Amino acid sequence: SLDNTDYNNKEFVIEDIDGRWIGF
């Protein structure tokens, strides 16, 4: 879920139908 990372990004991550993790 949407959060601030330890590398200073505000992001969330989804998993697509093929199992890929994609960050936004």
mmCIF file of all heavy atoms, coordinates in Angstrom:
data_MODEL
# 
_entry.id   MODEL 
# 
loop_
_atom_site.group_PDB 
_atom_site.id 
_atom_site.type_symbol 
_atom_site.label_atom_id 
_atom_site.label_alt_id 
_atom_site.label_comp_id 
_atom_site.label_asym_id 
_atom_site.label_entity_id 
_atom_site.label_seq_id 
_atom_site.pdbx_PDB_ins_code 
_atom_site.Cartn_x 
_atom_site.Cartn_y 
_atom_site.Cartn_z 
_atom_site.occupancy 
_atom_site.B_iso_or_equiv 
_atom_site.pdbx_formal_charge 
_atom_site.auth_seq_id 
_atom_site.auth_comp_id 
_atom_site.auth_asym_id 
_atom_site.auth_atom_id 
_atom_site.pdbx_PDB_model_num 
ATOM 1   N N   . SER A 1 1  ? 0.830  -1.202  0.000   1.00 0.00 ? 1  SER A N   1 
ATOM 2   C CA  . SER A 1 1  ? 0.000  0.000   0.000   1.00 0.00 ? 1  SER A CA  1 
ATOM 3   C C   . SER A 1 1  ? 0.859  1.246   0.000   1.00 0.00 ? 1  SER A C   1 
ATOM 4   O O   . SER A 1 1  ? 2.036  1.212   0.371   1.00 0.00 ? 1  SER A O   1 
ATOM 5   C CB  . SER A 1 1  ? -0.911 0.007   1.228   1.00 0.00 ? 1  SER A CB  1 
ATOM 6   O OG  . SER A 1 1  ? -1.816 -1.064  1.156   1.00 0.00 ? 1  SER A OG  1 
ATOM 7   N N   . LEU A 1 2  ? 0.242  2.339   -0.375  1.00 0.00 ? 2  LEU A N   1 
ATOM 8   C CA  . LEU A 1 2  ? 0.931  3.620   -0.466  1.00 0.00 ? 2  LEU A CA  1 
ATOM 9   C C   . LEU A 1 2  ? 1.650  3.956   0.830   1.00 0.00 ? 2  LEU A C   1 
ATOM 10  O O   . LEU A 1 2  ? 1.064  3.900   1.909   1.00 0.00 ? 2  LEU A O   1 
ATOM 11  C CB  . LEU A 1 2  ? -0.082 4.722   -0.801  1.00 0.00 ? 2  LEU A CB  1 
ATOM 12  C CG  . LEU A 1 2  ? 0.492  6.094   -1.098  1.00 0.00 ? 2  LEU A CG  1 
ATOM 13  C CD1 . LEU A 1 2  ? 1.427  6.045   -2.306  1.00 0.00 ? 2  LEU A CD1 1 
ATOM 14  C CD2 . LEU A 1 2  ? -0.639 7.082   -1.345  1.00 0.00 ? 2  LEU A CD2 1 
ATOM 15  N N   . ASP A 1 3  ? 2.929  4.274   0.695   1.00 0.00 ? 3  ASP A N   1 
ATOM 16  C CA  . ASP A 1 3  ? 3.759  4.572   1.856   1.00 0.00 ? 3  ASP A CA  1 
ATOM 17  C C   . ASP A 1 3  ? 4.995  5.341   1.383   1.00 0.00 ? 3  ASP A C   1 
ATOM 18  O O   . ASP A 1 3  ? 5.305  5.366   0.191   1.00 0.00 ? 3  ASP A O   1 
ATOM 19  C CB  . ASP A 1 3  ? 4.189  3.264   2.533   1.00 0.00 ? 3  ASP A CB  1 
ATOM 20  C CG  . ASP A 1 3  ? 4.626  3.459   3.980   1.00 0.00 ? 3  ASP A CG  1 
ATOM 21  O OD1 . ASP A 1 3  ? 4.481  4.576   4.520   1.00 0.00 ? 3  ASP A OD1 1 
ATOM 22  O OD2 . ASP A 1 3  ? 5.124  2.485   4.579   1.00 0.00 ? 3  ASP A OD2 1 
ATOM 23  N N   . ASN A 1 4  ? 5.704  5.935   2.332   1.00 0.00 ? 4  ASN A N   1 
ATOM 24  C CA  . ASN A 1 4  ? 6.993  6.547   2.040   1.00 0.00 ? 4  ASN A CA  1 
ATOM 25  C C   . ASN A 1 4  ? 8.079  5.514   2.314   1.00 0.00 ? 4  ASN A C   1 
ATOM 26  O O   . ASN A 1 4  ? 8.111  4.913   3.391   1.00 0.00 ? 4  ASN A O   1 
ATOM 27  C CB  . ASN A 1 4  ? 7.209  7.792   2.901   1.00 0.00 ? 4  ASN A CB  1 
ATOM 28  C CG  . ASN A 1 4  ? 6.296  8.927   2.487   1.00 0.00 ? 4  ASN A CG  1 
ATOM 29  O OD1 . ASN A 1 4  ? 6.017  9.120   1.312   1.00 0.00 ? 4  ASN A OD1 1 
ATOM 30  N ND2 . ASN A 1 4  ? 5.812  9.676   3.452   1.00 0.00 ? 4  ASN A ND2 1 
ATOM 31  N N   . THR A 1 5  ? 8.952  5.311   1.353   1.00 0.00 ? 5  THR A N   1 
ATOM 32  C CA  . THR A 1 5  ? 9.986  4.288   1.461   1.00 0.00 ? 5  THR A CA  1 
ATOM 33  C C   . THR A 1 5  ? 11.222 4.825   2.181   1.00 0.00 ? 5  THR A C   1 
ATOM 34  O O   . THR A 1 5  ? 11.372 6.031   2.359   1.00 0.00 ? 5  THR A O   1 
ATOM 35  C CB  . THR A 1 5  ? 10.417 3.807   0.071   1.00 0.00 ? 5  THR A CB  1 
ATOM 36  O OG1 . THR A 1 5  ? 11.081 4.885   -0.596  1.00 0.00 ? 5  THR A OG1 1 
ATOM 37  C CG2 . THR A 1 5  ? 9.226  3.328   -0.748  1.00 0.00 ? 5  THR A CG2 1 
ATOM 38  N N   . ASP A 1 6  ? 12.127 3.927   2.531   1.00 0.00 ? 6  ASP A N   1 
ATOM 39  C CA  . ASP A 1 6  ? 13.380 4.334   3.154   1.00 0.00 ? 6  ASP A CA  1 
ATOM 40  C C   . ASP A 1 6  ? 14.345 4.955   2.146   1.00 0.00 ? 6  ASP A C   1 
ATOM 41  O O   . ASP A 1 6  ? 15.391 5.459   2.514   1.00 0.00 ? 6  ASP A O   1 
ATOM 42  C CB  . ASP A 1 6  ? 14.034 3.162   3.899   1.00 0.00 ? 6  ASP A CB  1 
ATOM 43  C CG  . ASP A 1 6  ? 14.334 1.969   3.014   1.00 0.00 ? 6  ASP A CG  1 
ATOM 44  O OD1 . ASP A 1 6  ? 13.938 1.963   1.815   1.00 0.00 ? 6  ASP A OD1 1 
ATOM 45  O OD2 . ASP A 1 6  ? 14.958 1.017   3.515   1.00 0.00 ? 6  ASP A OD2 1 
ATOM 46  N N   . TYR A 1 7  ? 14.005 4.949   0.865   1.00 0.00 ? 7  TYR A N   1 
ATOM 47  C CA  . TYR A 1 7  ? 14.811 5.626   -0.153  1.00 0.00 ? 7  TYR A CA  1 
ATOM 48  C C   . TYR A 1 7  ? 14.097 6.874   -0.675  1.00 0.00 ? 7  TYR A C   1 
ATOM 49  O O   . TYR A 1 7  ? 14.384 7.367   -1.757  1.00 0.00 ? 7  TYR A O   1 
ATOM 50  C CB  . TYR A 1 7  ? 15.215 4.683   -1.295  1.00 0.00 ? 7  TYR A CB  1 
ATOM 51  C CG  . TYR A 1 7  ? 14.098 3.804   -1.830  1.00 0.00 ? 7  TYR A CG  1 
ATOM 52  C CD1 . TYR A 1 7  ? 13.276 4.232   -2.866  1.00 0.00 ? 7  TYR A CD1 1 
ATOM 53  C CD2 . TYR A 1 7  ? 13.888 2.551   -1.284  1.00 0.00 ? 7  TYR A CD2 1 
ATOM 54  C CE1 . TYR A 1 7  ? 12.270 3.428   -3.342  1.00 0.00 ? 7  TYR A CE1 1 
ATOM 55  C CE2 . TYR A 1 7  ? 12.875 1.735   -1.770  1.00 0.00 ? 7  TYR A CE2 1 
ATOM 56  C CZ  . TYR A 1 7  ? 12.064 2.177   -2.803  1.00 0.00 ? 7  TYR A CZ  1 
ATOM 57  O OH  . TYR A 1 7  ? 11.055 1.370   -3.276  1.00 0.00 ? 7  TYR A OH  1 
ATOM 58  N N   . ASN A 1 8  ? 13.150 7.366   0.129   1.00 0.00 ? 8  ASN A N   1 
ATOM 59  C CA  . ASN A 1 8  ? 12.521 8.672   -0.078  1.00 0.00 ? 8  ASN A CA  1 
ATOM 60  C C   . ASN A 1 8  ? 11.585 8.732   -1.282  1.00 0.00 ? 8  ASN A C   1 
ATOM 61  O O   . ASN A 1 8  ? 11.507 9.758   -1.960  1.00 0.00 ? 8  ASN A O   1 
ATOM 62  C CB  . ASN A 1 8  ? 13.582 9.773   -0.159  1.00 0.00 ? 8  ASN A CB  1 
ATOM 63  C CG  . ASN A 1 8  ? 13.133 11.030  0.540   1.00 0.00 ? 8  ASN A CG  1 
ATOM 64  O OD1 . ASN A 1 8  ? 12.304 10.984  1.440   1.00 0.00 ? 8  ASN A OD1 1 
ATOM 65  N ND2 . ASN A 1 8  ? 13.670 12.160  0.126   1.00 0.00 ? 8  ASN A ND2 1 
ATOM 66  N N   . ASN A 1 9  ? 10.883 7.654   -1.565  1.00 0.00 ? 9  ASN A N   1 
ATOM 67  C CA  . ASN A 1 9  ? 9.840  7.651   -2.576  1.00 0.00 ? 9  ASN A CA  1 
ATOM 68  C C   . ASN A 1 9  ? 8.495  7.454   -1.900  1.00 0.00 ? 9  ASN A C   1 
ATOM 69  O O   . ASN A 1 9  ? 8.397  6.742   -0.900  1.00 0.00 ? 9  ASN A O   1 
ATOM 70  C CB  . ASN A 1 9  ? 10.027 6.516   -3.585  1.00 0.00 ? 9  ASN A CB  1 
ATOM 71  C CG  . ASN A 1 9  ? 11.057 6.826   -4.632  1.00 0.00 ? 9  ASN A CG  1 
ATOM 72  O OD1 . ASN A 1 9  ? 11.798 7.793   -4.522  1.00 0.00 ? 9  ASN A OD1 1 
ATOM 73  N ND2 . ASN A 1 9  ? 11.114 5.999   -5.648  1.00 0.00 ? 9  ASN A ND2 1 
ATOM 74  N N   . LYS A 1 10 ? 7.468  8.079   -2.451  1.00 0.00 ? 10 LYS A N   1 
ATOM 75  C CA  . LYS A 1 10 ? 6.087  7.837   -2.052  1.00 0.00 ? 10 LYS A CA  1 
ATOM 76  C C   . LYS A 1 10 ? 5.527  6.913   -3.125  1.00 0.00 ? 10 LYS A C   1 
ATOM 77  O O   . LYS A 1 10 ? 5.452  7.305   -4.303  1.00 0.00 ? 10 LYS A O   1 
ATOM 78  C CB  . LYS A 1 10 ? 5.306  9.150   -1.996  1.00 0.00 ? 10 LYS A CB  1 
ATOM 79  C CG  . LYS A 1 10 ? 3.863  8.992   -1.577  1.00 0.00 ? 10 LYS A CG  1 
ATOM 80  C CD  . LYS A 1 10 ? 3.178  10.357  -1.512  1.00 0.00 ? 10 LYS A CD  1 
ATOM 81  C CE  . LYS A 1 10 ? 1.724  10.208  -1.125  1.00 0.00 ? 10 LYS A CE  1 
ATOM 82  N NZ  . LYS A 1 10 ? 1.041  11.520  -1.151  1.00 0.00 ? 10 LYS A NZ  1 
ATOM 83  N N   . GLU A 1 11 ? 5.195  5.668   -2.735  1.00 0.00 ? 11 GLU A N   1 
ATOM 84  C CA  . GLU A 1 11 ? 4.840  4.692   -3.756  1.00 0.00 ? 11 GLU A CA  1 
ATOM 85  C C   . GLU A 1 11 ? 3.918  3.600   -3.227  1.00 0.00 ? 11 GLU A C   1 
ATOM 86  O O   . GLU A 1 11 ? 3.788  3.403   -2.018  1.00 0.00 ? 11 GLU A O   1 
ATOM 87  C CB  . GLU A 1 11 ? 6.096  4.041   -4.340  1.00 0.00 ? 11 GLU A CB  1 
ATOM 88  C CG  . GLU A 1 11 ? 6.829  3.153   -3.348  1.00 0.00 ? 11 GLU A CG  1 
ATOM 89  C CD  . GLU A 1 11 ? 8.124  2.572   -3.885  1.00 0.00 ? 11 GLU A CD  1 
ATOM 90  O OE1 . GLU A 1 11 ? 8.819  3.254   -4.671  1.00 0.00 ? 11 GLU A OE1 1 
ATOM 91  O OE2 . GLU A 1 11 ? 8.445  1.441   -3.511  1.00 0.00 ? 11 GLU A OE2 1 
ATOM 92  N N   . PHE A 1 12 ? 3.293  2.908   -4.181  1.00 0.00 ? 12 PHE A N   1 
ATOM 93  C CA  . PHE A 1 12 ? 2.576  1.671   -3.904  1.00 0.00 ? 12 PHE A CA  1 
ATOM 94  C C   . PHE A 1 12 ? 2.932  0.676   -4.999  1.00 0.00 ? 12 PHE A C   1 
ATOM 95  O O   . PHE A 1 12 ? 3.485  1.052   -6.039  1.00 0.00 ? 12 PHE A O   1 
ATOM 96  C CB  . PHE A 1 12 ? 1.053  1.897   -3.794  1.00 0.00 ? 12 PHE A CB  1 
ATOM 97  C CG  . PHE A 1 12 ? 0.362  2.231   -5.085  1.00 0.00 ? 12 PHE A CG  1 
ATOM 98  C CD1 . PHE A 1 12 ? -0.234 1.233   -5.854  1.00 0.00 ? 12 PHE A CD1 1 
ATOM 99  C CD2 . PHE A 1 12 ? 0.281  3.542   -5.532  1.00 0.00 ? 12 PHE A CD2 1 
ATOM 100 C CE1 . PHE A 1 12 ? -0.890 1.549   -7.042  1.00 0.00 ? 12 PHE A CE1 1 
ATOM 101 C CE2 . PHE A 1 12 ? -0.369 3.867   -6.706  1.00 0.00 ? 12 PHE A CE2 1 
ATOM 102 C CZ  . PHE A 1 12 ? -0.959 2.864   -7.471  1.00 0.00 ? 12 PHE A CZ  1 
ATOM 103 N N   . VAL A 1 13 ? 2.647  -0.598  -4.754  1.00 0.00 ? 13 VAL A N   1 
ATOM 104 C CA  . VAL A 1 13 ? 3.057  -1.652  -5.680  1.00 0.00 ? 13 VAL A CA  1 
ATOM 105 C C   . VAL A 1 13 ? 1.881  -2.573  -5.946  1.00 0.00 ? 13 VAL A C   1 
ATOM 106 O O   . VAL A 1 13 ? 1.173  -2.984  -5.023  1.00 0.00 ? 13 VAL A O   1 
ATOM 107 C CB  . VAL A 1 13 ? 4.239  -2.466  -5.094  1.00 0.00 ? 13 VAL A CB  1 
ATOM 108 C CG1 . VAL A 1 13 ? 4.698  -3.539  -6.078  1.00 0.00 ? 13 VAL A CG1 1 
ATOM 109 C CG2 . VAL A 1 13 ? 5.392  -1.547  -4.716  1.00 0.00 ? 13 VAL A CG2 1 
ATOM 110 N N   . ILE A 1 14 ? 1.688  -2.908  -7.222  1.00 0.00 ? 14 ILE A N   1 
ATOM 111 C CA  . ILE A 1 14 ? 0.647  -3.862  -7.605  1.00 0.00 ? 14 ILE A CA  1 
ATOM 112 C C   . ILE A 1 14 ? 1.297  -5.121  -8.175  1.00 0.00 ? 14 ILE A C   1 
ATOM 113 O O   . ILE A 1 14 ? 2.477  -5.125  -8.534  1.00 0.00 ? 14 ILE A O   1 
ATOM 114 C CB  . ILE A 1 14 ? -0.338 -3.259  -8.630  1.00 0.00 ? 14 ILE A CB  1 
ATOM 115 C CG1 . ILE A 1 14 ? 0.338  -2.955  -9.980  1.00 0.00 ? 14 ILE A CG1 1 
ATOM 116 C CG2 . ILE A 1 14 ? -0.990 -2.005  -8.097  1.00 0.00 ? 14 ILE A CG2 1 
ATOM 117 C CD1 . ILE A 1 14 ? 0.043  -3.951  -11.059 1.00 0.00 ? 14 ILE A CD1 1 
ATOM 118 N N   . GLU A 1 15 ? 0.497  -6.177  -8.242  1.00 0.00 ? 15 GLU A N   1 
ATOM 119 C CA  . GLU A 1 15 ? 0.930  -7.390  -8.938  1.00 0.00 ? 15 GLU A CA  1 
ATOM 120 C C   . GLU A 1 15 ? 0.023  -7.580  -10.139 1.00 0.00 ? 15 GLU A C   1 
ATOM 121 O O   . GLU A 1 15 ? -1.203 -7.599  -9.998  1.00 0.00 ? 15 GLU A O   1 
ATOM 122 C CB  . GLU A 1 15 ? 0.850  -8.604  -8.021  1.00 0.00 ? 15 GLU A CB  1 
ATOM 123 C CG  . GLU A 1 15 ? 1.372  -9.875  -8.664  1.00 0.00 ? 15 GLU A CG  1 
ATOM 124 C CD  . GLU A 1 15 ? 1.407  -11.045 -7.706  1.00 0.00 ? 15 GLU A CD  1 
ATOM 125 O OE1 . GLU A 1 15 ? 1.952  -10.898 -6.598  1.00 0.00 ? 15 GLU A OE1 1 
ATOM 126 O OE2 . GLU A 1 15 ? 0.874  -12.122 -8.084  1.00 0.00 ? 15 GLU A OE2 1 
ATOM 127 N N   . ASP A 1 16 ? 0.611  -7.714  -11.321 1.00 0.00 ? 16 ASP A N   1 
ATOM 128 C CA  . ASP A 1 16 ? -0.214 -7.874  -12.518 1.00 0.00 ? 16 ASP A CA  1 
ATOM 129 C C   . ASP A 1 16 ? -0.603 -9.338  -12.712 1.00 0.00 ? 16 ASP A C   1 
ATOM 130 O O   . ASP A 1 16 ? -0.242 -10.208 -11.919 1.00 0.00 ? 16 ASP A O   1 
ATOM 131 C CB  . ASP A 1 16 ? 0.461  -7.251  -13.744 1.00 0.00 ? 16 ASP A CB  1 
ATOM 132 C CG  . ASP A 1 16 ? 1.530  -8.107  -14.399 1.00 0.00 ? 16 ASP A CG  1 
ATOM 133 O OD1 . ASP A 1 16 ? 1.841  -9.217  -13.923 1.00 0.00 ? 16 ASP A OD1 1 
ATOM 134 O OD2 . ASP A 1 16 ? 2.086  -7.647  -15.428 1.00 0.00 ? 16 ASP A OD2 1 
ATOM 135 N N   . ILE A 1 17 ? -1.321 -9.602  -13.768 1.00 0.00 ? 17 ILE A N   1 
ATOM 136 C CA  . ILE A 1 17 ? -1.869 -10.935 -14.032 1.00 0.00 ? 17 ILE A CA  1 
ATOM 137 C C   . ILE A 1 17 ? -0.783 -11.988 -14.246 1.00 0.00 ? 17 ILE A C   1 
ATOM 138 O O   . ILE A 1 17 ? -1.004 -13.174 -14.042 1.00 0.00 ? 17 ILE A O   1 
ATOM 139 C CB  . ILE A 1 17 ? -2.836 -10.877 -15.236 1.00 0.00 ? 17 ILE A CB  1 
ATOM 140 C CG1 . ILE A 1 17 ? -3.654 -12.152 -15.343 1.00 0.00 ? 17 ILE A CG1 1 
ATOM 141 C CG2 . ILE A 1 17 ? -2.082 -10.556 -16.514 1.00 0.00 ? 17 ILE A CG2 1 
ATOM 142 C CD1 . ILE A 1 17 ? -4.801 -12.062 -16.317 1.00 0.00 ? 17 ILE A CD1 1 
ATOM 143 N N   . ASP A 1 18 ? 0.426  -11.556 -14.626 1.00 0.00 ? 18 ASP A N   1 
ATOM 144 C CA  . ASP A 1 18 ? 1.534  -12.478 -14.857 1.00 0.00 ? 18 ASP A CA  1 
ATOM 145 C C   . ASP A 1 18 ? 2.476  -12.588 -13.658 1.00 0.00 ? 18 ASP A C   1 
ATOM 146 O O   . ASP A 1 18 ? 3.500  -13.249 -13.738 1.00 0.00 ? 18 ASP A O   1 
ATOM 147 C CB  . ASP A 1 18 ? 2.339  -12.036 -16.084 1.00 0.00 ? 18 ASP A CB  1 
ATOM 148 C CG  . ASP A 1 18 ? 1.521  -12.113 -17.369 1.00 0.00 ? 18 ASP A CG  1 
ATOM 149 O OD1 . ASP A 1 18 ? 0.816  -13.118 -17.572 1.00 0.00 ? 18 ASP A OD1 1 
ATOM 150 O OD2 . ASP A 1 18 ? 1.592  -11.158 -18.171 1.00 0.00 ? 18 ASP A OD2 1 
ATOM 151 N N   . GLY A 1 19 ? 2.130  -11.914 -12.548 1.00 0.00 ? 19 GLY A N   1 
ATOM 152 C CA  . GLY A 1 19 ? 2.958  -11.986 -11.344 1.00 0.00 ? 19 GLY A CA  1 
ATOM 153 C C   . GLY A 1 19 ? 4.018  -10.911 -11.226 1.00 0.00 ? 19 GLY A C   1 
ATOM 154 O O   . GLY A 1 19 ? 4.797  -10.910 -10.269 1.00 0.00 ? 19 GLY A O   1 
ATOM 155 N N   . ARG A 1 20 ? 4.076  -9.988  -12.183 1.00 0.00 ? 20 ARG A N   1 
ATOM 156 C CA  . ARG A 1 20 ? 5.052  -8.900  -12.091 1.00 0.00 ? 20 ARG A CA  1 
ATOM 157 C C   . ARG A 1 20 ? 4.655  -7.938  -10.989 1.00 0.00 ? 20 ARG A C   1 
ATOM 158 O O   . ARG A 1 20 ? 3.484  -7.630  -10.815 1.00 0.00 ? 20 ARG A O   1 
ATOM 159 C CB  . ARG A 1 20 ? 5.093  -8.102  -13.391 1.00 0.00 ? 20 ARG A CB  1 
ATOM 160 C CG  . ARG A 1 20 ? 5.720  -8.786  -14.536 1.00 0.00 ? 20 ARG A CG  1 
ATOM 161 C CD  . ARG A 1 20 ? 5.712  -7.862  -15.770 1.00 0.00 ? 20 ARG A CD  1 
ATOM 162 N NE  . ARG A 1 20 ? 5.863  -8.667  -16.952 1.00 0.00 ? 20 ARG A NE  1 
ATOM 163 C CZ  . ARG A 1 20 ? 4.861  -9.256  -17.596 1.00 0.00 ? 20 ARG A CZ  1 
ATOM 164 N NH1 . ARG A 1 20 ? 3.623  -9.107  -17.205 1.00 0.00 ? 20 ARG A NH1 1 
ATOM 165 N NH2 . ARG A 1 20 ? 5.109  -9.996  -18.649 1.00 0.00 ? 20 ARG A NH2 1 
ATOM 166 N N   . TRP A 1 21 ? 5.637  -7.421  -10.254 1.00 0.00 ? 21 TRP A N   1 
ATOM 167 C CA  . TRP A 1 21 ? 5.406  -6.348  -9.291  1.00 0.00 ? 21 TRP A CA  1 
ATOM 168 C C   . TRP A 1 21 ? 5.773  -5.040  -9.974  1.00 0.00 ? 21 TRP A C   1 
ATOM 169 O O   . TRP A 1 21 ? 6.897  -4.882  -10.472 1.00 0.00 ? 21 TRP A O   1 
ATOM 170 C CB  . TRP A 1 21 ? 6.231  -6.550  -8.034  1.00 0.00 ? 21 TRP A CB  1 
ATOM 171 C CG  . TRP A 1 21 ? 5.621  -7.529  -7.082  1.00 0.00 ? 21 TRP A CG  1 
ATOM 172 C CD1 . TRP A 1 21 ? 4.614  -8.430  -7.344  1.00 0.00 ? 21 TRP A CD1 1 
ATOM 173 C CD2 . TRP A 1 21 ? 5.976  -7.714  -5.722  1.00 0.00 ? 21 TRP A CD2 1 
ATOM 174 N NE1 . TRP A 1 21 ? 4.328  -9.160  -6.217  1.00 0.00 ? 21 TRP A NE1 1 
ATOM 175 C CE2 . TRP A 1 21 ? 5.146  -8.736  -5.209  1.00 0.00 ? 21 TRP A CE2 1 
ATOM 176 C CE3 . TRP A 1 21 ? 6.906  -7.115  -4.890  1.00 0.00 ? 21 TRP A CE3 1 
ATOM 177 C CZ2 . TRP A 1 21 ? 5.226  -9.170  -3.891  1.00 0.00 ? 21 TRP A CZ2 1 
ATOM 178 C CZ3 . TRP A 1 21 ? 6.988  -7.551  -3.580  1.00 0.00 ? 21 TRP A CZ3 1 
ATOM 179 C CH2 . TRP A 1 21 ? 6.151  -8.568  -3.086  1.00 0.00 ? 21 TRP A CH2 1 
ATOM 180 N N   . ILE A 1 22 ? 4.812  -4.115  -9.967  1.00 0.00 ? 22 ILE A N   1 
ATOM 181 C CA  . ILE A 1 22 ? 5.000  -2.820  -10.616 1.00 0.00 ? 22 ILE A CA  1 
ATOM 182 C C   . ILE A 1 22 ? 4.802  -1.723  -9.590  1.00 0.00 ? 22 ILE A C   1 
ATOM 183 O O   . ILE A 1 22 ? 3.757  -1.664  -8.921  1.00 0.00 ? 22 ILE A O   1 
ATOM 184 C CB  . ILE A 1 22 ? 4.020  -2.638  -11.790 1.00 0.00 ? 22 ILE A CB  1 
ATOM 185 C CG1 . ILE A 1 22 ? 4.214  -3.774  -12.789 1.00 0.00 ? 22 ILE A CG1 1 
ATOM 186 C CG2 . ILE A 1 22 ? 4.223  -1.273  -12.438 1.00 0.00 ? 22 ILE A CG2 1 
ATOM 187 C CD1 . ILE A 1 22 ? 3.160  -3.837  -13.868 1.00 0.00 ? 22 ILE A CD1 1 
ATOM 188 N N   . GLY A 1 23 ? 5.823  -0.870  -9.425  1.00 0.00 ? 23 GLY A N   1 
ATOM 189 C CA  . GLY A 1 23 ? 5.761  0.249   -8.506  1.00 0.00 ? 23 GLY A CA  1 
ATOM 190 C C   . GLY A 1 23 ? 5.217  1.486   -9.188  1.00 0.00 ? 23 GLY A C   1 
ATOM 191 O O   . GLY A 1 23 ? 5.487  1.725   -10.368 1.00 0.00 ? 23 GLY A O   1 
ATOM 192 N N   . PHE A 1 24 ? 4.438  2.249   -8.434  1.00 0.00 ? 24 PHE A N   1 
ATOM 193 C CA  . PHE A 1 24 ? 3.904  3.539   -8.893  1.00 0.00 ? 24 PHE A CA  1 
ATOM 194 C C   . PHE A 1 24 ? 4.271  4.563   -7.853  1.00 0.00 ? 24 PHE A C   1 
ATOM 195 O O   . PHE A 1 24 ? 3.808  4.480   -6.701  1.00 0.00 ? 24 PHE A O   1 
ATOM 196 C CB  . PHE A 1 24 ? 2.377  3.482   -9.051  1.00 0.00 ? 24 PHE A CB  1 
ATOM 197 C CG  . PHE A 1 24 ? 1.919  2.547   -10.125 1.00 0.00 ? 24 PHE A CG  1 
ATOM 198 C CD1 . PHE A 1 24 ? 1.741  1.187   -9.852  1.00 0.00 ? 24 PHE A CD1 1 
ATOM 199 C CD2 . PHE A 1 24 ? 1.671  3.006   -11.412 1.00 0.00 ? 24 PHE A CD2 1 
ATOM 200 C CE1 . PHE A 1 24 ? 1.316  0.318   -10.845 1.00 0.00 ? 24 PHE A CE1 1 
ATOM 201 C CE2 . PHE A 1 24 ? 1.249  2.144   -12.403 1.00 0.00 ? 24 PHE A CE2 1 
ATOM 202 C CZ  . PHE A 1 24 ? 1.072  0.790   -12.123 1.00 0.00 ? 24 PHE A CZ  1 
# 
